[in-house]
C-alpha atoms as a PDB file:
ATOM      1  CA  UNK A   1      84.386  91.168  47.651  1.00  0.00           C
ATOM      2  CA  UNK A   2      82.749  88.143  49.618  1.00  0.00           C
ATOM      3  CA  UNK A   3      86.044  86.667  50.362  1.00  0.00           C
ATOM      4  CA  UNK A   4      87.305  89.976  52.084  1.00  0.00           C
ATOM      5  CA  UNK A   5      83.952  90.534  54.276  1.00  0.00           C
ATOM      6  CA  UNK A   6      85.167  88.344  57.083  1.00  0.00           C
ATOM      7  CA  UNK A   7      88.455  89.850  57.207  1.00  0.00           C
ATOM      8  CA  UNK A   8      86.908  93.320  57.231  1.00  0.00           C
ATOM      9  CA  UNK A   9      84.063  92.236  59.854  1.00  0.00           C
ATOM     10  CA  UNK A  10      87.030  90.828  62.253  1.00  0.00           C
ATOM     11  CA  UNK A  11      89.039  93.928  61.793  1.00  0.00           C
ATOM     12  CA  UNK A  12      86.010  96.281  62.690  1.00  0.00           C
ATOM     13  CA  UNK A  13      85.263  94.154  65.670  1.00  0.00           C
ATOM     14  CA  UNK A  14      88.733  94.286  66.907  1.00  0.00           C
ATOM     15  CA  UNK A  15      88.880  97.949  66.456  1.00  0.00           C
ATOM     16  CA  UNK A  16      85.437  98.372  68.328  1.00  0.00           C
ATOM     17  CA  UNK A  17      87.029  96.469  71.290  1.00  0.00           C
ATOM     18  CA  UNK A  18      89.940  98.241  71.372  1.00  0.00           C
ATOM     19  CA  UNK A  19      88.257 101.588  71.175  1.00  0.00           C
ATOM     20  CA  UNK A  20      85.654 100.756  73.983  1.00  0.00           C
ATOM     21  CA  UNK A  21      88.483  99.817  76.437  1.00  0.00           C
ATOM     22  CA  UNK A  22      88.935  96.566  78.371  1.00  0.00           C
ATOM     23  CA  UNK A  23      89.348  95.832  81.935  1.00  0.00           C
ATOM     24  CA  UNK A  24      93.010  94.449  82.823  1.00  0.00           C
ATOM     25  CA  UNK A  25      94.600  92.805  85.758  1.00  0.00           C
ATOM     26  CA  UNK A  26      98.302  93.626  85.796  1.00  0.00           C
ATOM     27  CA  UNK A  27     101.146  92.007  87.669  1.00  0.00           C
ATOM     28  CA  UNK A  28     104.014  94.168  88.162  1.00  0.00           C
ATOM     29  CA  UNK A  29     107.211  92.903  87.153  1.00  0.00           C
ATOM     30  CA  UNK A  30     110.704  93.246  88.816  1.00  0.00           C
ATOM     31  CA  UNK A  31     112.727  96.052  87.778  1.00  0.00           C
ATOM     32  CA  UNK A  32     116.117  94.305  88.274  1.00  0.00           C
ATOM     33  CA  UNK A  33     117.299  95.817  91.407  1.00  0.00           C
ATOM     34  CA  UNK A  34     118.020  93.556  94.106  1.00  0.00           C
ATOM     35  CA  UNK A  35     116.241  95.418  96.593  1.00  0.00           C
ATOM     36  CA  UNK A  36     113.021  94.876  94.296  1.00  0.00           C
ATOM     37  CA  UNK A  37     113.172  91.305  93.858  1.00  0.00           C
ATOM     38  CA  UNK A  38     109.917  90.801  94.965  1.00  0.00           C
ATOM     39  CA  UNK A  39     106.648  91.108  92.972  1.00  0.00           C
ATOM     40  CA  UNK A  40     103.550  92.362  94.661  1.00  0.00           C
ATOM     41  CA  UNK A  41     100.333  91.756  92.583  1.00  0.00           C
ATOM     42  CA  UNK A  42      98.627  95.280  91.870  1.00  0.00           C
ATOM     43  CA  UNK A  43      95.133  95.640  90.447  1.00  0.00           C
ATOM     44  CA  UNK A  44      95.602  97.715  87.557  1.00  0.00           C
ATOM     45  CA  UNK A  45      91.760  97.853  86.315  1.00  0.00           C
ATOM     46  CA  UNK A  46      90.107 100.872  85.371  1.00  0.00           C
ATOM     47  CA  UNK A  47      86.304 101.690  84.807  1.00  0.00           C
ATOM     48  CA  UNK A  48      85.109 101.460  81.109  1.00  0.00           C
ATOM     49  CA  UNK A  49      84.995 104.936  79.603  1.00  0.00           C
ATOM     50  CA  UNK A  50      87.484 106.672  82.149  1.00  0.00           C
ATOM     51  CA  UNK A  51      90.862 107.926  81.573  1.00  0.00           C
ATOM     52  CA  UNK A  52      93.653 106.103  83.149  1.00  0.00           C
ATOM     53  CA  UNK A  53      94.495 107.779  86.636  1.00  0.00           C
ATOM     54  CA  UNK A  54      97.930 109.331  86.555  1.00  0.00           C
ATOM     55  CA  UNK A  55     100.083 108.135  89.857  1.00  0.00           C
ATOM     56  CA  UNK A  56     101.336 111.379  91.671  1.00  0.00           C
ATOM     57  CA  UNK A  57     104.573 109.047  92.317  1.00  0.00           C
ATOM     58  CA  UNK A  58     107.127 108.961  89.772  1.00  0.00           C
ATOM     59  CA  UNK A  59     108.681 105.679  89.345  1.00  0.00           C
ATOM     60  CA  UNK A  60     112.108 107.073  89.172  1.00  0.00           C
ATOM     61  CA  UNK A  61     111.330 109.013  92.245  1.00  0.00           C
ATOM     62  CA  UNK A  62     113.057 108.991  95.759  1.00  0.00           C
ATOM     63  CA  UNK A  63     110.539 108.231  98.713  1.00  0.00           C
ATOM     64  CA  UNK A  64     110.939 107.713 102.334  1.00  0.00           C
ATOM     65  CA  UNK A  65     107.613 108.432 104.269  1.00  0.00           C
ATOM     66  CA  UNK A  66     105.403 105.624 105.033  1.00  0.00           C
ATOM     67  CA  UNK A  67     102.619 107.001 102.836  1.00  0.00           C
ATOM     68  CA  UNK A  68     104.666 107.685  99.817  1.00  0.00           C
ATOM     69  CA  UNK A  69     106.635 104.553 100.199  1.00  0.00           C
ATOM     70  CA  UNK A  70     103.344 102.429 100.847  1.00  0.00           C
ATOM     71  CA  UNK A  71     101.531 104.094  97.972  1.00  0.00           C
ATOM     72  CA  UNK A  72     104.701 103.305  95.599  1.00  0.00           C
ATOM     73  CA  UNK A  73     104.557  99.697  96.677  1.00  0.00           C
ATOM     74  CA  UNK A  74     100.940  99.491  96.053  1.00  0.00           C
ATOM     75  CA  UNK A  75     101.461 101.275  92.586  1.00  0.00           C
ATOM     76  CA  UNK A  76     104.617  99.853  91.066  1.00  0.00           C
ATOM     77  CA  UNK A  77     104.885  96.458  93.026  1.00  0.00           C
ATOM     78  CA  UNK A  78     108.318  97.029  94.068  1.00  0.00           C
ATOM     79  CA  UNK A  79     110.502  99.433  96.227  1.00  0.00           C
ATOM     80  CA  UNK A  80     111.601 102.910  94.850  1.00  0.00           C
ATOM     81  CA  UNK A  81     115.250 102.998  93.602  1.00  0.00           C
ATOM     82  CA  UNK A  82     116.484 104.664  96.670  1.00  0.00           C
ATOM     83  CA  UNK A  83     116.329 101.504  98.792  1.00  0.00           C
ATOM     84  CA  UNK A  84     119.199  98.868  98.829  1.00  0.00           C
ATOM     85  CA  UNK A  85     119.414  95.452 100.740  1.00  0.00           C
ATOM     86  CA  UNK A  86     121.532  95.172 103.830  1.00  0.00           C
ATOM     87  CA  UNK A  87     123.746  93.007 101.865  1.00  0.00           C
ATOM     88  CA  UNK A  88     124.195  95.815  99.166  1.00  0.00           C
ATOM     89  CA  UNK A  89     124.774  98.441 101.853  1.00  0.00           C
ATOM     90  CA  UNK A  90     127.419  96.220 103.618  1.00  0.00           C
ATOM     91  CA  UNK A  91     129.112  95.862 100.260  1.00  0.00           C
ATOM     92  CA  UNK A  92     129.658  99.574 100.135  1.00  0.00           C
ATOM     93  CA  UNK A  93     131.111  99.671 103.752  1.00  0.00           C
ATOM     94  CA  UNK A  94     127.888 100.092 105.682  1.00  0.00           C
ATOM     95  CA  UNK A  95     128.200  98.885 109.380  1.00  0.00           C
ATOM     96  CA  UNK A  96     124.814  99.143 111.267  1.00  0.00           C
ATOM     97  CA  UNK A  97     126.566 100.021 114.627  1.00  0.00           C
ATOM     98  CA  UNK A  98     128.235 102.980 113.175  1.00  0.00           C
ATOM     99  CA  UNK A  99     125.162 104.230 111.562  1.00  0.00           C
ATOM    100  CA  UNK A 100     127.173 105.595 108.589  1.00  0.00           C
ATOM    101  CA  UNK A 101     124.649 104.553 105.615  1.00  0.00           C
ATOM    102  CA  UNK A 102     124.650 108.094 104.468  1.00  0.00           C
ATOM    103  CA  UNK A 103     128.559 108.125 104.210  1.00  0.00           C
ATOM    104  CA  UNK A 104     128.765 105.200 102.257  1.00  0.00           C
ATOM    105  CA  UNK A 105     125.486 105.399 100.457  1.00  0.00           C
ATOM    106  CA  UNK A 106     124.326 108.854  99.965  1.00  0.00           C
ATOM    107  CA  UNK A 107     120.446 108.892  99.401  1.00  0.00           C
ATOM    108  CA  UNK A 108     119.884 105.257 100.272  1.00  0.00           C
ATOM    109  CA  UNK A 109     117.803 103.664 102.794  1.00  0.00           C
ATOM    110  CA  UNK A 110     117.675  99.994 103.889  1.00  0.00           C
ATOM    111  CA  UNK A 111     115.072  97.876 102.131  1.00  0.00           C
ATOM    112  CA  UNK A 112     113.775  94.660 100.348  1.00  0.00           C
ATOM    113  CA  UNK A 113     115.219  91.988 103.030  1.00  0.00           C
ATOM    114  CA  UNK A 114     113.001  89.242 103.999  1.00  0.00           C
ATOM    115  CA  UNK A 115     110.906  89.672 107.256  1.00  0.00           C
ATOM    116  CA  UNK A 116     110.309  86.347 108.883  1.00  0.00           C
ATOM    117  CA  UNK A 117     107.203  87.087 110.865  1.00  0.00           C
ATOM    118  CA  UNK A 118     108.513  84.606 113.727  1.00  0.00           C
ATOM    119  CA  UNK A 119     106.441  86.256 116.393  1.00  0.00           C
ATOM    120  CA  UNK A 120     103.315  85.561 114.151  1.00  0.00           C
ATOM    121  CA  UNK A 121     101.839  88.921 114.397  1.00  0.00           C
ATOM    122  CA  UNK A 122     100.979  88.995 110.886  1.00  0.00           C
ATOM    123  CA  UNK A 123      98.726  87.005 108.800  1.00  0.00           C
ATOM    124  CA  UNK A 124     100.154  83.926 107.272  1.00  0.00           C
ATOM    125  CA  UNK A 125      98.753  82.193 103.901  1.00  0.00           C
ATOM    126  CA  UNK A 126     100.310  79.467 101.787  1.00  0.00           C
ATOM    127  CA  UNK A 127     102.985  80.996  99.336  1.00  0.00           C
ATOM    128  CA  UNK A 128     103.228  84.583 101.297  1.00  0.00           C
ATOM    129  CA  UNK A 129     106.245  86.090 102.017  1.00  0.00           C
ATOM    130  CA  UNK A 130     107.044  89.225 103.839  1.00  0.00           C
ATOM    131  CA  UNK A 131     109.678  91.797 103.167  1.00  0.00           C
ATOM    132  CA  UNK A 132     110.704  95.107 105.071  1.00  0.00           C
ATOM    133  CA  UNK A 133     111.885  98.480 104.192  1.00  0.00           C
ATOM    134  CA  UNK A 134     113.088 101.349 106.765  1.00  0.00           C
ATOM    135  CA  UNK A 135     110.890 104.518 106.793  1.00  0.00           C
ATOM    136  CA  UNK A 136     111.844 108.021 107.399  1.00  0.00           C
ATOM    137  CA  UNK A 137     115.629 106.961 107.487  1.00  0.00           C
ATOM    138  CA  UNK A 138     117.860 109.699 107.432  1.00  0.00           C
ATOM    139  CA  UNK A 139     121.192 107.831 106.585  1.00  0.00           C
ATOM    140  CA  UNK A 140     122.254 107.444 109.827  1.00  0.00           C
ATOM    141  CA  UNK A 141     121.072 104.974 112.484  1.00  0.00           C
ATOM    142  CA  UNK A 142     117.883 102.916 111.241  1.00  0.00           C
ATOM    143  CA  UNK A 143     115.227 103.664 113.701  1.00  0.00           C
ATOM    144  CA  UNK A 144     112.075 101.619 114.547  1.00  0.00           C
ATOM    145  CA  UNK A 145     109.915 102.802 111.682  1.00  0.00           C
ATOM    146  CA  UNK A 146     109.166  99.949 109.097  1.00  0.00           C
ATOM    147  CA  UNK A 147     106.814  98.837 106.134  1.00  0.00           C
ATOM    148  CA  UNK A 148     106.389  95.222 106.193  1.00  0.00           C
ATOM    149  CA  UNK A 149     105.002  94.227 102.868  1.00  0.00           C
ATOM    150  CA  UNK A 150     103.794  90.843 101.366  1.00  0.00           C
ATOM    151  CA  UNK A 151     104.119  89.342  97.826  1.00  0.00           C
ATOM    152  CA  UNK A 152     100.184  89.314  97.596  1.00  0.00           C
ATOM    153  CA  UNK A 153      99.820  93.017  98.147  1.00  0.00           C
ATOM    154  CA  UNK A 154      99.292  93.299 102.130  1.00  0.00           C
ATOM    155  CA  UNK A 155     101.305  96.577 103.103  1.00  0.00           C
ATOM    156  CA  UNK A 156     101.783  97.155 107.277  1.00  0.00           C
ATOM    157  CA  UNK A 157     103.252  99.972 108.744  1.00  0.00           C
ATOM    158  CA  UNK A 158     104.844  99.764 112.338  1.00  0.00           C
ATOM    159  CA  UNK A 159     106.459 102.427 114.289  1.00  0.00           C
ATOM    160  CA  UNK A 160     107.555 100.511 117.165  1.00  0.00           C
ATOM    161  CA  UNK A 161     109.949  97.983 115.564  1.00  0.00           C
ATOM    162  CA  UNK A 162     107.514  95.370 115.046  1.00  0.00           C
ATOM    163  CA  UNK A 163     105.439  95.459 118.156  1.00  0.00           C
ATOM    164  CA  UNK A 164     102.188  96.770 116.675  1.00  0.00           C
ATOM    165  CA  UNK A 165     101.331  96.745 112.994  1.00  0.00           C
ATOM    166  CA  UNK A 166      98.833  99.292 111.041  1.00  0.00           C
ATOM    167  CA  UNK A 167      97.508  97.892 107.781  1.00  0.00           C
ATOM    168  CA  UNK A 168      97.692 100.458 105.130  1.00  0.00           C
ATOM    169  CA  UNK A 169      96.898  98.411 101.601  1.00  0.00           C
ATOM    170  CA  UNK A 170      95.341  94.836 101.111  1.00  0.00           C
ATOM    171  CA  UNK A 171      92.892  92.908 102.691  1.00  0.00           C
ATOM    172  CA  UNK A 172      93.434  90.290 105.455  1.00  0.00           C
ATOM    173  CA  UNK A 173      91.452  87.084 104.773  1.00  0.00           C
ATOM    174  CA  UNK A 174      89.369  85.641 107.726  1.00  0.00           C
END
Protein backbone atom coordinates (compact mmCIF):
# COMPACT_ATOMS: atom_id res chain seq x y z
CA UNK A 1 0.00 0.00 0.00
CA UNK A 2 2.89 2.37 0.80
CA UNK A 3 4.28 2.08 -2.71
CA UNK A 4 0.96 3.31 -4.18
CA UNK A 5 0.61 6.26 -1.76
CA UNK A 6 2.78 8.62 -3.83
CA UNK A 7 0.97 7.72 -7.04
CA UNK A 8 -2.45 8.20 -5.45
CA UNK A 9 -1.32 11.51 -3.92
CA UNK A 10 -0.08 12.78 -7.28
CA UNK A 11 -3.34 11.77 -8.97
CA UNK A 12 -5.43 13.51 -6.30
CA UNK A 13 -3.33 16.68 -6.57
CA UNK A 14 -3.69 16.66 -10.37
CA UNK A 15 -7.44 16.17 -10.09
CA UNK A 16 -7.72 19.02 -7.57
CA UNK A 17 -5.79 21.39 -9.84
CA UNK A 18 -7.94 20.39 -12.79
CA UNK A 19 -11.18 20.98 -10.88
CA UNK A 20 -10.07 24.35 -9.47
CA UNK A 21 -9.29 25.73 -12.93
CA UNK A 22 -6.21 27.37 -14.27
CA UNK A 23 -5.42 30.69 -15.89
CA UNK A 24 -4.16 30.24 -19.41
CA UNK A 25 -2.81 32.40 -22.20
CA UNK A 26 -3.80 31.20 -25.63
CA UNK A 27 -2.25 32.14 -28.97
CA UNK A 28 -4.74 31.59 -31.76
CA UNK A 29 -3.40 29.54 -34.64
CA UNK A 30 -3.85 30.11 -38.34
CA UNK A 31 -6.88 28.39 -39.82
CA UNK A 32 -5.17 27.70 -43.11
CA UNK A 33 -6.88 30.37 -45.20
CA UNK A 34 -4.52 32.64 -47.08
CA UNK A 35 -6.55 35.64 -45.87
CA UNK A 36 -6.01 34.54 -42.29
CA UNK A 37 -2.28 33.96 -42.60
CA UNK A 38 -1.62 36.21 -39.64
CA UNK A 39 -1.79 35.19 -36.01
CA UNK A 40 -2.95 37.74 -33.46
CA UNK A 41 -2.17 37.12 -29.80
CA UNK A 42 -5.41 36.94 -27.81
CA UNK A 43 -5.87 36.83 -24.04
CA UNK A 44 -7.83 33.67 -23.27
CA UNK A 45 -7.65 34.00 -19.48
CA UNK A 46 -10.73 33.60 -17.33
CA UNK A 47 -11.30 34.26 -13.64
CA UNK A 48 -11.03 31.28 -11.31
CA UNK A 49 -14.40 29.69 -10.60
CA UNK A 50 -16.24 31.30 -13.53
CA UNK A 51 -17.65 29.59 -16.56
CA UNK A 52 -16.04 30.43 -19.91
CA UNK A 53 -17.84 33.27 -21.66
CA UNK A 54 -19.50 32.23 -24.90
CA UNK A 55 -18.64 34.42 -27.86
CA UNK A 56 -21.72 35.68 -29.67
CA UNK A 57 -19.71 35.37 -32.88
CA UNK A 58 -19.66 31.99 -34.58
CA UNK A 59 -16.16 31.18 -35.86
CA UNK A 60 -17.75 29.93 -39.09
CA UNK A 61 -19.96 33.03 -39.43
CA UNK A 62 -19.92 35.78 -42.04
CA UNK A 63 -19.22 39.32 -40.79
CA UNK A 64 -18.72 42.69 -42.50
CA UNK A 65 -19.44 45.45 -39.93
CA UNK A 66 -16.58 47.16 -38.07
CA UNK A 67 -17.82 45.99 -34.66
CA UNK A 68 -18.31 42.37 -35.67
CA UNK A 69 -15.09 41.99 -37.67
CA UNK A 70 -13.03 43.72 -34.96
CA UNK A 71 -14.58 41.53 -32.25
CA UNK A 72 -14.00 38.43 -34.41
CA UNK A 73 -10.32 39.34 -34.91
CA UNK A 74 -9.93 40.00 -31.20
CA UNK A 75 -11.64 36.71 -30.29
CA UNK A 76 -10.28 34.28 -32.87
CA UNK A 77 -7.05 35.94 -34.05
CA UNK A 78 -7.86 35.74 -37.77
CA UNK A 79 -10.37 37.13 -40.25
CA UNK A 80 -13.75 35.47 -40.80
CA UNK A 81 -13.96 33.02 -43.70
CA UNK A 82 -15.82 35.51 -45.91
CA UNK A 83 -12.58 37.46 -46.45
CA UNK A 84 -10.17 36.71 -49.29
CA UNK A 85 -6.96 38.47 -50.26
CA UNK A 86 -6.67 40.65 -53.35
CA UNK A 87 -4.55 37.95 -54.98
CA UNK A 88 -7.20 35.29 -54.30
CA UNK A 89 -9.91 37.61 -55.66
CA UNK A 90 -7.89 38.38 -58.80
CA UNK A 91 -7.44 34.66 -59.42
CA UNK A 92 -11.25 34.42 -59.48
CA UNK A 93 -11.51 37.26 -62.02
CA UNK A 94 -11.90 40.29 -59.73
CA UNK A 95 -10.95 43.66 -61.20
CA UNK A 96 -11.05 46.51 -58.68
CA UNK A 97 -11.77 49.03 -61.45
CA UNK A 98 -14.89 47.09 -62.44
CA UNK A 99 -16.15 46.60 -58.88
CA UNK A 100 -17.11 43.02 -59.73
CA UNK A 101 -16.19 41.16 -56.52
CA UNK A 102 -19.81 40.15 -55.89
CA UNK A 103 -20.04 38.65 -59.38
CA UNK A 104 -16.83 36.59 -59.20
CA UNK A 105 -16.82 35.78 -55.46
CA UNK A 106 -20.36 36.09 -54.05
CA UNK A 107 -20.47 36.88 -50.34
CA UNK A 108 -16.75 37.62 -50.12
CA UNK A 109 -14.92 40.76 -48.98
CA UNK A 110 -11.30 41.79 -49.49
CA UNK A 111 -9.02 41.34 -46.48
CA UNK A 112 -5.78 39.91 -45.17
CA UNK A 113 -3.32 41.87 -47.28
CA UNK A 114 -0.25 43.63 -45.82
CA UNK A 115 -0.67 47.27 -44.78
CA UNK A 116 2.59 49.21 -45.02
CA UNK A 117 1.84 52.13 -42.64
CA UNK A 118 4.06 54.21 -44.93
CA UNK A 119 2.66 57.50 -43.59
CA UNK A 120 3.55 56.40 -40.05
CA UNK A 121 0.09 57.16 -38.65
CA UNK A 122 0.02 53.94 -36.62
CA UNK A 123 2.50 53.06 -33.85
CA UNK A 124 5.55 51.03 -34.81
CA UNK A 125 7.20 48.34 -32.70
CA UNK A 126 9.83 45.67 -33.31
CA UNK A 127 8.25 42.75 -35.14
CA UNK A 128 4.88 44.47 -35.58
CA UNK A 129 3.14 44.00 -38.93
CA UNK A 130 -0.18 45.43 -40.02
CA UNK A 131 -2.81 43.93 -42.31
CA UNK A 132 -6.08 45.36 -43.55
CA UNK A 133 -9.62 44.36 -44.47
CA UNK A 134 -12.60 46.09 -46.06
CA UNK A 135 -15.56 47.01 -43.88
CA UNK A 136 -19.21 47.16 -44.99
CA UNK A 137 -18.20 45.96 -48.44
CA UNK A 138 -21.18 45.05 -50.59
CA UNK A 139 -19.32 43.14 -53.28
CA UNK A 140 -18.96 46.07 -55.64
CA UNK A 141 -16.46 48.91 -55.24
CA UNK A 142 -14.39 48.69 -52.07
CA UNK A 143 -15.11 52.04 -50.43
CA UNK A 144 -13.00 53.85 -47.81
CA UNK A 145 -13.81 51.90 -44.64
CA UNK A 146 -11.12 49.52 -43.37
CA UNK A 147 -9.91 47.72 -40.30
CA UNK A 148 -6.14 47.73 -39.92
CA UNK A 149 -4.88 45.15 -37.44
CA UNK A 150 -1.49 44.11 -36.14
CA UNK A 151 0.04 40.76 -35.31
CA UNK A 152 0.26 41.84 -31.65
CA UNK A 153 -3.40 42.65 -31.05
CA UNK A 154 -3.95 46.26 -32.13
CA UNK A 155 -7.12 46.75 -34.18
CA UNK A 156 -7.91 50.14 -35.75
CA UNK A 157 -10.85 51.40 -37.79
CA UNK A 158 -10.60 54.05 -40.50
CA UNK A 159 -13.64 55.40 -42.31
CA UNK A 160 -11.68 57.83 -44.48
CA UNK A 161 -9.18 55.55 -46.27
CA UNK A 162 -6.30 55.79 -43.76
CA UNK A 163 -6.52 59.53 -42.99
CA UNK A 164 -7.61 58.96 -39.37
CA UNK A 165 -7.72 55.87 -37.15
CA UNK A 166 -9.84 54.84 -34.17
CA UNK A 167 -8.29 52.25 -31.82
CA UNK A 168 -10.87 49.52 -31.20
CA UNK A 169 -8.80 46.82 -29.44
CA UNK A 170 -5.37 46.63 -27.84
CA UNK A 171 -3.22 49.18 -26.06
CA UNK A 172 -0.71 51.45 -27.71
CA UNK A 173 2.63 51.49 -25.91
CA UNK A 174 4.03 54.90 -24.98
